[in-house]
Amino acid sequence: MPLSELHPFEGHPFKVLDDESMTETVESIRQMGVANPLIVRPGPDGGYEIISGHRRHHAAELAGLDIIPVIVRELDDDAAVIMMVDSNLQRENILPSERAKAYKMKMDALRHQGQRTDLTSPQVAAKFRADDEVGKGAGVSGDTVRRFVRLTNLIPEVLDMVDEKKIAFNPAVELSYLKPEEQRNFLEAMDYAQAAPSLSQAQRMKKKSQESGCTLDDMCSIMDEVKKDDLGQIAFRTSDLQKFFPKSYTPRQMSDTILRLLEQWQRRRQRDQQR
């Protein structure tokens, strides 16, 4: 099928990036073509909507192909969403925002299917939980699905920071309960504190928001506190330290050597101060 006849799935939550993996895919397609056909369905306004194969489609464009193998499926909107999500959740390195949006799309589709089932079988619909069903397909619990879906309540700027690992997942779930304006204030408070929130800090902001509203001053006050985890602990990645030591050194040997060198440094400082 001509590439010009294909268009992305509406609301497709997975990013198609021109990264190293895409470069490798383009080179593979140039040499061997597209091995696995795309799965598509007829579009409501003509052409065909891609259900599975957005990366292959983009790589084929970059490789200069005009046509690409496809399998055409006749699917309604709900079935198409479910197939699109399931085919993409097998990918590696899925961003939290992608997983959150994909889980929500599949949950909404399953619930819609459940509503149709409810017309003929109320007992079946009553027992059906879309989040648990999504979890089964993804190999996670229904609670994990619900927590990821909470992230879709974050404003884009905060969600981007979760993807960039500037805000940890668990605090982000708590922040998702803040109103949009409160989330914008949170970004100011985070910039003021020059630190990411701990889970307990995010929980207090959530509680404050639900009780009486969380102001910028409230957030700055909470973010200005020293995190308990930061008291009395300094952590180094072993990989960062190994370049300074022989390969045979164990973490314990590296730790002992660092402490010994710090003691020597302290003694030198004390001597210099006494001069």
Foldseek 3Di string as FASTA:
>chain_A
DFLVLEDEDVPQLFDQDPDPVLVVLLVCCLVPNDPDAFEWEADPVGGIYTLPDPSVSVSCVVNPDGDHHYDYDHDDPLVSLLSSLLRPLVDPPTFLRSLLSSLVSNLVSVLVVLVVVCVPDVVVSVPDHSLQVSCVSNVHHSVVNVLSVLLVLADPVVSVCCRVVQEDSLLSSLQSLAHHVVNVLLVVLCVVLVHYDDNVLSNVQSVCCVPPRQDSVNNNVSSNDDDPVPPPDDDDDPVVQCVVDPPPDDPVNSVVVVVVVVVVVVVVVVVVVVD
